[in-house]
Amino acid sequence: MTDHTIPTIKYSWLQGSFWMSFCIVFNYASIFLLSRGYSNSRIGIVIALAGLISALLQPLVAGLADRGGKLNLRTLILLFCGCMLLCAAVLLIPGLWFLCNALFYGILLAALQILTPLVNAIGMECINRGISVNFGLARGIGSISFALMSFLAGACIERFSTTVIPMLIIFCYLMVFAAACSFVFRAENRADTGSHTEEGQKQETQKENSFFLAYKRFFILLAGVSMLFVCHNMLNNYLFQIMSYHDGGSEEMGIAAGISAVLELPVMLAFSAMIRKFSSRTLLRISGVFFTVKALLTLSAGSILGVYLAQPAQMLGFGLFVPASVYYTNALIRPSDRARGQAFMTATNTIGSVFGSLLGGFLMDGKGVPAMLFFAALISAAGTVLVFFSAQACTEEAEQIVSKG
């Protein structure tokens, strides 16, 4: 085993354990809260509030990482893992007060979304510092881990009860914590993932609004991505209800989520080769189109099999978007603001979760699953148009740097 493979193995472990946790916390939120007596509308409110809080905190937390010091990326990941372990443990308390279920699960959802850009940024930080990390491979391991957890969780809930959800969350975050603890490298690799160059430190003294002024078109893109994720989160947050509409249950939900996650793997593994042949802008546009393709296929599905057949579209939708958006942001944003840029990109998922959860919950309670799927597809189509026309070309030098990862 060479020194070049060790960083990728460690980062794959971090991505794998993180996306296992993402699966159980986010995809099974609806099932857990339904079992605790919450309606679809109330579940939507809980997920939306958690998303709103995380959207506000993501840029602030990333700003701390950009400034360096003791609160670097690795330390922040460890702190949030500790918070989530505590919340999951509280949810295991028998007879927990009704509102406490929403409070502590809401904290889990918010912390999870704050963690996402930090996990992405720590990998790109290594690439920027010349440490050989295969981001596509690591994120592919994340997808296959997501799929395995989806199959496992669905089967466990079907056989036992939703009490296993907090137990699985604890297991996953112990894994994330251990992976983050191991994510250190020798000083000569310059892998302190919280420090920056002197030039970067000087740029930190600029006014905060300079970021918005420098990247106006980037924020138009983020608006389009947010619309894509309104649809994406409707389809995922309420996947259990979609499967129930077609006479399925938690096991069928786990299979559907697992199929989409497994099929992301080939794209993730091939991404390092794809980014050498195509610009991150082109790949981002393609992913925007396939978000809408999946939405239309799910809308037209007439059975559980139809929902299963819609899942492969996630390969070139969400599966391509994740690495493409990380590389695009890394190429577009100046070095001193990259963690903040990743946080804004990830916040689009969060904003999508807020509106998708609220709108999806109220539409299902008022009009039913078909109405929710129709509006999801319509919003996604509008987002695709915005992403296609607002994605801008990055400099050739920046593209070459990120393609080496």
Protein backbone atom coordinates (compact mmCIF):
# COMPACT_ATOMS: atom_id res chain seq x y z
CA MET A 1 0.00 0.00 0.00
CA THR A 2 1.50 3.33 -1.07
CA ASP A 3 1.30 6.71 0.65
CA HIS A 4 -0.94 7.85 -2.21
CA THR A 5 -3.63 5.24 -1.50
CA ILE A 6 -3.85 5.86 2.26
CA PRO A 7 -5.56 9.30 1.99
CA THR A 8 -8.17 7.90 -0.43
CA ILE A 9 -8.84 4.94 1.89
CA LYS A 10 -9.28 7.23 4.88
CA TYR A 11 -11.49 9.62 2.95
CA SER A 12 -13.55 6.72 1.56
CA TRP A 13 -14.09 5.54 5.14
CA LEU A 14 -15.26 9.03 6.12
CA GLN A 15 -17.58 9.35 3.10
CA GLY A 16 -18.91 5.81 3.53
CA SER A 17 -19.78 6.18 7.20
CA PHE A 18 -21.20 9.67 6.66
CA TRP A 19 -23.57 8.59 3.89
CA MET A 20 -24.70 5.61 5.93
CA SER A 21 -25.68 8.13 8.61
CA PHE A 22 -27.32 10.38 6.01
CA CYS A 23 -29.48 7.50 4.83
CA ILE A 24 -30.78 6.53 8.25
CA VAL A 25 -31.26 10.10 9.57
CA PHE A 26 -32.80 11.73 6.50
CA ASN A 27 -34.51 9.00 4.51
CA TYR A 28 -36.07 7.38 7.59
CA ALA A 29 -37.13 10.62 9.30
CA SER A 30 -40.66 10.28 7.95
CA ILE A 31 -41.06 6.68 9.15
CA PHE A 32 -39.68 7.47 12.61
CA LEU A 33 -41.88 10.53 13.15
CA LEU A 34 -44.97 8.78 11.75
CA SER A 35 -44.45 6.06 14.35
CA ARG A 36 -44.34 8.75 17.05
CA GLY A 37 -47.75 10.10 16.05
CA TYR A 38 -46.86 12.95 13.67
CA SER A 39 -48.92 13.75 10.57
CA ASN A 40 -47.36 14.38 7.15
CA SER A 41 -47.82 18.12 7.59
CA ARG A 42 -46.13 18.12 11.00
CA ILE A 43 -43.29 16.00 9.66
CA GLY A 44 -42.86 18.54 6.88
CA ILE A 45 -42.68 21.34 9.44
CA VAL A 46 -40.03 19.51 11.51
CA ILE A 47 -37.85 18.80 8.47
CA ALA A 48 -38.35 22.33 7.15
CA LEU A 49 -37.40 24.01 10.44
CA ALA A 50 -34.32 21.83 10.73
CA GLY A 51 -33.39 22.74 7.18
CA LEU A 52 -33.94 26.44 7.78
CA ILE A 53 -31.72 26.42 10.87
CA SER A 54 -28.97 24.50 9.07
CA ALA A 55 -29.20 26.82 6.03
CA LEU A 56 -28.51 29.78 8.32
CA LEU A 57 -25.68 28.03 10.15
CA GLN A 58 -23.89 26.32 7.24
CA PRO A 59 -22.12 29.47 5.91
CA LEU A 60 -21.25 30.57 9.46
CA VAL A 61 -19.74 27.21 10.36
CA ALA A 62 -17.88 27.07 7.04
CA GLY A 63 -16.58 30.59 7.70
CA LEU A 64 -15.02 29.31 10.91
CA ALA A 65 -13.29 26.57 8.92
CA ASP A 66 -12.08 29.07 6.31
CA ARG A 67 -10.47 31.18 9.04
CA GLY A 68 -8.48 28.20 10.29
CA GLY A 69 -7.20 27.93 13.85
CA LYS A 70 -8.39 25.30 16.31
CA LEU A 71 -11.85 25.03 14.71
CA ASN A 72 -10.65 23.47 11.47
CA LEU A 73 -12.71 21.15 9.29
CA ARG A 74 -11.74 17.96 11.13
CA THR A 75 -12.46 19.42 14.57
CA LEU A 76 -15.86 20.74 13.49
CA ILE A 77 -16.80 17.32 12.10
CA LEU A 78 -15.90 15.71 15.42
CA LEU A 79 -17.95 18.26 17.39
CA PHE A 80 -21.06 17.72 15.30
CA CYS A 81 -20.67 13.94 15.55
CA GLY A 82 -20.67 14.24 19.34
CA CYS A 83 -23.86 16.32 19.20
CA MET A 84 -25.61 13.75 17.02
CA LEU A 85 -24.60 10.82 19.21
CA LEU A 86 -26.14 12.60 22.21
CA CYS A 87 -29.41 13.36 20.38
CA ALA A 88 -29.76 9.78 19.11
CA ALA A 89 -29.21 8.45 22.63
CA VAL A 90 -32.00 10.69 23.97
CA LEU A 91 -34.42 9.30 21.36
CA LEU A 92 -33.92 5.82 22.88
CA ILE A 93 -35.47 6.92 26.19
CA PRO A 94 -38.81 5.07 26.65
CA GLY A 95 -41.93 7.25 26.80
CA LEU A 96 -40.14 10.35 25.56
CA TRP A 97 -42.41 13.43 25.54
CA PHE A 98 -44.16 13.98 22.20
CA LEU A 99 -42.45 17.29 21.40
CA CYS A 100 -39.01 15.98 22.43
CA ASN A 101 -39.11 13.50 19.54
CA ALA A 102 -39.46 16.40 17.11
CA LEU A 103 -36.87 18.54 18.92
CA PHE A 104 -34.08 16.00 19.07
CA TYR A 105 -34.77 14.50 15.65
CA GLY A 106 -34.85 18.04 14.27
CA ILE A 107 -31.39 18.67 15.77
CA LEU A 108 -30.19 15.47 14.10
CA LEU A 109 -31.49 16.69 10.73
CA ALA A 110 -29.96 20.16 11.12
CA ALA A 111 -26.55 18.87 12.26
CA LEU A 112 -26.50 16.33 9.42
CA GLN A 113 -26.98 19.05 6.81
CA ILE A 114 -24.32 21.26 8.41
CA LEU A 115 -21.89 18.33 8.29
CA THR A 116 -22.38 17.68 4.57
CA PRO A 117 -20.31 20.61 3.18
CA LEU A 118 -17.62 20.01 5.82
CA VAL A 119 -17.18 16.39 4.69
CA ASN A 120 -16.99 17.51 1.04
CA ALA A 121 -14.66 20.42 1.80
CA ILE A 122 -12.14 18.34 3.72
CA GLY A 123 -11.64 16.13 0.66
CA MET A 124 -11.21 19.08 -1.71
CA GLU A 125 -8.84 20.72 0.77
CA CYS A 126 -6.58 17.69 0.48
CA ILE A 127 -6.66 17.85 -3.32
CA ASN A 128 -5.90 21.59 -3.25
CA ARG A 129 -2.86 20.88 -1.05
CA GLY A 130 -1.44 18.25 -3.38
CA ILE A 131 -2.54 15.19 -1.39
CA SER A 132 -3.70 12.44 -3.71
CA VAL A 133 -7.38 11.80 -2.95
CA ASN A 134 -9.75 10.20 -5.46
CA PHE A 135 -12.90 12.13 -4.61
CA GLY A 136 -15.08 10.23 -7.10
CA LEU A 137 -14.06 6.85 -5.67
CA ALA A 138 -14.59 8.01 -2.09
CA ARG A 139 -18.02 9.45 -2.91
CA GLY A 140 -18.85 6.23 -4.74
CA ILE A 141 -18.08 4.31 -1.55
CA GLY A 142 -20.47 6.74 0.11
CA SER A 143 -23.23 5.78 -2.33
CA ILE A 144 -22.76 2.04 -1.92
CA SER A 145 -22.70 2.51 1.87
CA PHE A 146 -25.94 4.49 1.59
CA ALA A 147 -27.47 1.63 -0.38
CA LEU A 148 -26.37 -1.02 2.12
CA MET A 149 -27.77 0.99 5.01
CA SER A 150 -31.02 1.49 3.11
CA PHE A 151 -31.48 -2.26 2.59
CA LEU A 152 -30.44 -3.01 6.19
CA ALA A 153 -32.62 -0.35 7.81
CA GLY A 154 -35.69 -1.27 5.76
CA ALA A 155 -35.38 -4.94 6.71
CA CYS A 156 -34.71 -4.20 10.40
CA ILE A 157 -37.67 -1.84 10.73
CA GLU A 158 -39.94 -4.36 9.01
CA ARG A 159 -38.81 -7.14 11.36
CA PHE A 160 -38.54 -5.19 14.61
CA SER A 161 -39.73 -1.57 14.95
CA THR A 162 -38.68 2.04 14.42
CA THR A 163 -36.76 1.85 17.72
CA VAL A 164 -33.82 0.51 15.70
CA ILE A 165 -33.49 3.88 13.92
CA PRO A 166 -31.75 5.71 16.82
CA MET A 167 -29.59 2.61 17.39
CA LEU A 168 -28.44 2.65 13.76
CA ILE A 169 -27.78 6.40 13.99
CA ILE A 170 -25.51 5.83 17.00
CA PHE A 171 -23.64 3.08 15.15
CA CYS A 172 -23.14 5.27 12.08
CA TYR A 173 -21.87 8.29 13.97
CA LEU A 174 -19.43 6.24 15.98
CA MET A 175 -18.05 5.23 12.57
CA VAL A 176 -17.96 8.84 11.34
CA PHE A 177 -16.22 9.93 14.54
CA ALA A 178 -13.58 7.21 14.21
CA ALA A 179 -13.02 8.04 10.52
CA ALA A 180 -12.60 11.74 11.26
CA CYS A 181 -10.16 10.97 14.06
CA SER A 182 -8.00 9.01 11.61
CA PHE A 183 -8.07 11.76 8.95
CA VAL A 184 -4.66 13.28 9.72
CA PHE A 185 -1.48 13.29 7.63
CA ARG A 186 2.19 14.08 8.10
CA ALA A 187 3.18 17.72 8.30
CA GLU A 188 5.15 17.56 5.02
CA ASN A 189 1.87 16.85 3.22
CA ARG A 190 0.54 20.18 4.51
CA ALA A 191 -2.69 18.45 5.49
CA ASP A 192 -3.85 20.60 8.36
CA THR A 193 -7.30 20.99 6.90
CA GLY A 194 -7.99 24.22 8.71
CA SER A 195 -5.05 26.43 7.74
CA HIS A 196 -4.55 28.67 4.70
CA THR A 197 -1.89 30.65 2.94
CA GLU A 198 -0.93 34.20 3.85
CA GLU A 199 -2.80 35.45 0.79
CA GLY A 200 -5.90 33.61 1.93
CA GLN A 201 -5.64 35.12 5.41
CA LYS A 202 -5.50 38.62 3.94
CA GLN A 203 -8.60 37.97 1.87
CA GLU A 204 -10.44 37.00 5.05
CA THR A 205 -10.24 40.62 6.18
CA GLN A 206 -12.51 41.72 3.33
CA LYS A 207 -16.15 42.50 4.04
CA GLU A 208 -18.52 39.54 4.04
CA ASN A 209 -20.68 41.01 1.30
CA SER A 210 -17.72 40.93 -1.10
CA PHE A 211 -18.46 37.23 -1.56
CA PHE A 212 -21.94 38.02 -2.85
CA LEU A 213 -20.67 40.79 -5.11
CA ALA A 214 -17.94 38.60 -6.61
CA TYR A 215 -20.24 35.67 -7.41
CA LYS A 216 -23.61 37.14 -8.43
CA ARG A 217 -24.20 34.56 -11.18
CA PHE A 218 -23.25 31.77 -8.77
CA PHE A 219 -26.23 32.73 -6.62
CA ILE A 220 -28.57 32.57 -9.62
CA LEU A 221 -27.27 29.04 -10.15
CA LEU A 222 -27.94 28.26 -6.49
CA ALA A 223 -31.56 29.37 -6.95
CA GLY A 224 -31.95 26.83 -9.77
CA VAL A 225 -30.27 24.08 -7.77
CA SER A 226 -32.59 24.84 -4.84
CA MET A 227 -35.56 24.20 -7.10
CA LEU A 228 -34.08 20.87 -8.19
CA PHE A 229 -33.73 19.91 -4.56
CA VAL A 230 -37.29 20.88 -3.73
CA CYS A 231 -38.25 18.04 -6.07
CA HIS A 232 -35.45 15.74 -4.93
CA ASN A 233 -36.43 16.10 -1.28
CA MET A 234 -40.13 15.57 -2.00
CA LEU A 235 -39.27 12.28 -3.70
CA ASN A 236 -36.93 11.15 -0.91
CA ASN A 237 -38.49 12.55 2.27
CA TYR A 238 -41.86 11.08 1.33
CA LEU A 239 -40.67 7.94 -0.42
CA PHE A 240 -42.44 5.82 2.18
CA GLN A 241 -45.74 7.56 1.38
CA ILE A 242 -45.12 7.16 -2.36
CA MET A 243 -44.55 3.43 -1.90
CA SER A 244 -47.62 3.18 0.37
CA TYR A 245 -49.70 4.80 -2.40
CA HIS A 246 -48.64 1.87 -4.60
CA ASP A 247 -49.43 -0.63 -1.78
CA GLY A 248 -45.81 -0.96 -0.61
CA GLY A 249 -44.15 -0.48 2.79
CA SER A 250 -40.83 0.25 4.52
CA GLU A 251 -39.12 -2.75 2.90
CA GLU A 252 -40.11 -1.60 -0.60
CA MET A 253 -38.99 1.91 0.33
CA GLY A 254 -35.59 0.54 1.39
CA ILE A 255 -35.27 -1.35 -1.90
CA ALA A 256 -36.12 1.75 -3.96
CA ALA A 257 -33.66 3.95 -2.07
CA GLY A 258 -31.04 1.22 -2.27
CA ILE A 259 -31.43 0.83 -6.04
CA SER A 260 -30.86 4.54 -6.65
CA ALA A 261 -27.85 4.61 -4.35
CA VAL A 262 -26.23 1.50 -5.87
CA LEU A 263 -26.68 2.89 -9.38
CA GLU A 264 -24.90 6.10 -8.38
CA LEU A 265 -21.72 4.07 -7.87
CA PRO A 266 -20.64 3.71 -11.54
CA VAL A 267 -20.91 7.48 -12.06
CA MET A 268 -18.96 8.19 -8.87
CA LEU A 269 -16.22 5.74 -9.82
CA ALA A 270 -15.97 7.11 -13.36
CA PHE A 271 -16.06 10.75 -12.30
CA SER A 272 -12.28 11.21 -12.14
CA ALA A 273 -12.12 10.21 -15.81
CA MET A 274 -15.19 12.26 -16.72
CA ILE A 275 -13.82 15.48 -15.20
CA ARG A 276 -10.71 15.14 -17.38
CA LYS A 277 -12.83 15.02 -20.56
CA PHE A 278 -15.71 17.35 -19.70
CA SER A 279 -15.84 20.61 -17.77
CA SER A 280 -17.53 20.70 -14.38
CA ARG A 281 -20.00 23.18 -15.91
CA THR A 282 -21.11 20.66 -18.57
CA LEU A 283 -21.48 17.86 -16.03
CA LEU A 284 -23.49 20.12 -13.75
CA ARG A 285 -25.89 20.95 -16.59
CA ILE A 286 -26.36 17.27 -17.46
CA SER A 287 -27.18 16.47 -13.85
CA GLY A 288 -29.83 19.20 -13.82
CA VAL A 289 -31.63 17.59 -16.75
CA PHE A 290 -31.75 14.17 -15.10
CA PHE A 291 -33.26 15.47 -11.86
CA THR A 292 -36.32 16.31 -13.94
CA VAL A 293 -36.19 13.02 -15.86
CA LYS A 294 -36.45 11.10 -12.59
CA ALA A 295 -39.32 13.31 -11.40
CA LEU A 296 -41.28 12.69 -14.61
CA LEU A 297 -40.67 8.94 -14.47
CA THR A 298 -41.83 8.79 -10.84
CA LEU A 299 -44.93 10.83 -11.70
CA SER A 300 -45.82 8.45 -14.53
CA ALA A 301 -45.15 5.28 -12.48
CA GLY A 302 -48.28 3.20 -12.04
CA SER A 303 -46.90 0.62 -9.63
CA ILE A 304 -44.07 -0.24 -7.27
CA LEU A 305 -42.18 -1.61 -10.28
CA GLY A 306 -42.62 1.74 -12.02
CA VAL A 307 -41.06 3.54 -9.05
CA TYR A 308 -38.16 1.07 -9.11
CA LEU A 309 -37.66 1.74 -12.83
CA ALA A 310 -37.47 5.49 -12.19
CA GLN A 311 -34.50 5.11 -9.82
CA PRO A 312 -31.76 4.64 -12.49
CA ALA A 313 -32.25 8.28 -13.54
CA GLN A 314 -30.59 9.19 -10.26
CA MET A 315 -27.27 8.02 -11.77
CA LEU A 316 -26.95 11.12 -13.92
CA GLY A 317 -29.08 13.30 -11.65
CA PHE A 318 -28.10 13.40 -7.99
CA GLY A 319 -25.29 10.88 -8.58
CA LEU A 320 -23.54 13.16 -11.06
CA PHE A 321 -24.53 16.39 -9.32
CA VAL A 322 -22.73 15.64 -6.05
CA PRO A 323 -19.15 15.41 -7.39
CA ALA A 324 -19.81 17.87 -10.25
CA SER A 325 -21.09 20.57 -7.90
CA VAL A 326 -18.18 20.10 -5.49
CA TYR A 327 -15.62 20.34 -8.31
CA TYR A 328 -17.46 23.25 -9.97
CA THR A 329 -17.55 25.25 -6.73
CA ASN A 330 -13.91 24.46 -6.00
CA ALA A 331 -12.89 25.67 -9.49
CA LEU A 332 -15.05 28.80 -9.41
CA ILE A 333 -14.50 30.12 -5.87
CA ARG A 334 -11.27 31.77 -4.68
CA PRO A 335 -9.17 29.67 -2.25
CA SER A 336 -9.95 31.69 0.89
CA ASP A 337 -13.71 31.21 0.39
CA ARG A 338 -13.93 27.61 -0.76
CA ALA A 339 -15.40 26.11 2.41
CA ARG A 340 -17.97 28.91 2.40
CA GLY A 341 -18.70 28.28 -1.27
CA GLN A 342 -19.23 24.57 -0.59
CA ALA A 343 -21.54 25.51 2.28
CA PHE A 344 -23.67 27.72 0.03
CA MET A 345 -23.88 24.93 -2.57
CA THR A 346 -24.90 22.42 0.09
CA ALA A 347 -27.36 24.94 1.53
CA THR A 348 -29.32 24.61 -1.72
CA ASN A 349 -30.12 21.05 -0.68
CA THR A 350 -31.18 22.40 2.69
CA ILE A 351 -33.39 25.11 1.20
CA GLY A 352 -34.88 22.48 -1.09
CA SER A 353 -35.55 20.36 1.98
CA VAL A 354 -37.33 23.26 3.69
CA PHE A 355 -39.71 24.01 0.83
CA GLY A 356 -39.96 20.41 -0.36
CA SER A 357 -40.88 19.15 3.10
CA LEU A 358 -43.48 21.83 3.74
CA LEU A 359 -45.02 21.77 0.29
CA GLY A 360 -44.89 17.97 0.03
CA GLY A 361 -46.49 17.43 3.41
CA PHE A 362 -49.36 19.85 2.83
CA LEU A 363 -49.97 18.63 -0.72
CA MET A 364 -50.19 15.02 0.41
CA ASP A 365 -52.54 15.78 3.28
CA GLY A 366 -54.69 18.03 1.08
CA LYS A 367 -54.49 16.59 -2.44
CA GLY A 368 -52.65 13.27 -2.23
CA VAL A 369 -49.45 11.76 -3.61
CA PRO A 370 -50.19 12.38 -7.35
CA ALA A 371 -50.54 16.15 -6.76
CA MET A 372 -47.25 16.22 -4.87
CA LEU A 373 -45.46 14.39 -7.68
CA PHE A 374 -46.92 16.74 -10.32
CA PHE A 375 -45.70 19.86 -8.54
CA ALA A 376 -42.33 18.22 -7.84
CA ALA A 377 -41.80 17.62 -11.57
CA LEU A 378 -42.94 21.15 -12.48
CA ILE A 379 -40.58 22.82 -9.99
CA SER A 380 -37.70 20.59 -11.08
CA ALA A 381 -38.20 21.54 -14.73
CA ALA A 382 -37.96 25.24 -13.83
CA GLY A 383 -34.79 24.55 -11.83
CA THR A 384 -33.23 22.70 -14.76
CA VAL A 385 -33.71 25.73 -17.00
CA LEU A 386 -32.09 28.05 -14.43
CA VAL A 387 -29.10 25.75 -13.88
CA PHE A 388 -28.52 25.32 -17.61
CA PHE A 389 -28.33 29.05 -18.33
CA SER A 390 -26.59 30.27 -15.14
CA ALA A 391 -23.71 27.78 -14.94
CA GLN A 392 -20.64 29.71 -16.01
CA ALA A 393 -17.32 28.55 -17.42
CA CYS A 394 -14.46 28.34 -14.93
CA THR A 395 -10.89 29.24 -15.82
CA GLU A 396 -8.91 26.52 -17.57
CA GLU A 397 -6.27 26.62 -14.83
CA ALA A 398 -8.85 26.05 -12.10
CA GLU A 399 -10.42 23.15 -14.03
CA GLN A 400 -7.01 21.54 -14.45
CA ILE A 401 -6.26 21.77 -10.72
CA VAL A 402 -9.47 20.07 -9.62
CA SER A 403 -9.25 17.43 -12.38
CA LYS A 404 -6.06 16.15 -10.77
CA GLY A 405 -8.10 14.92 -7.80
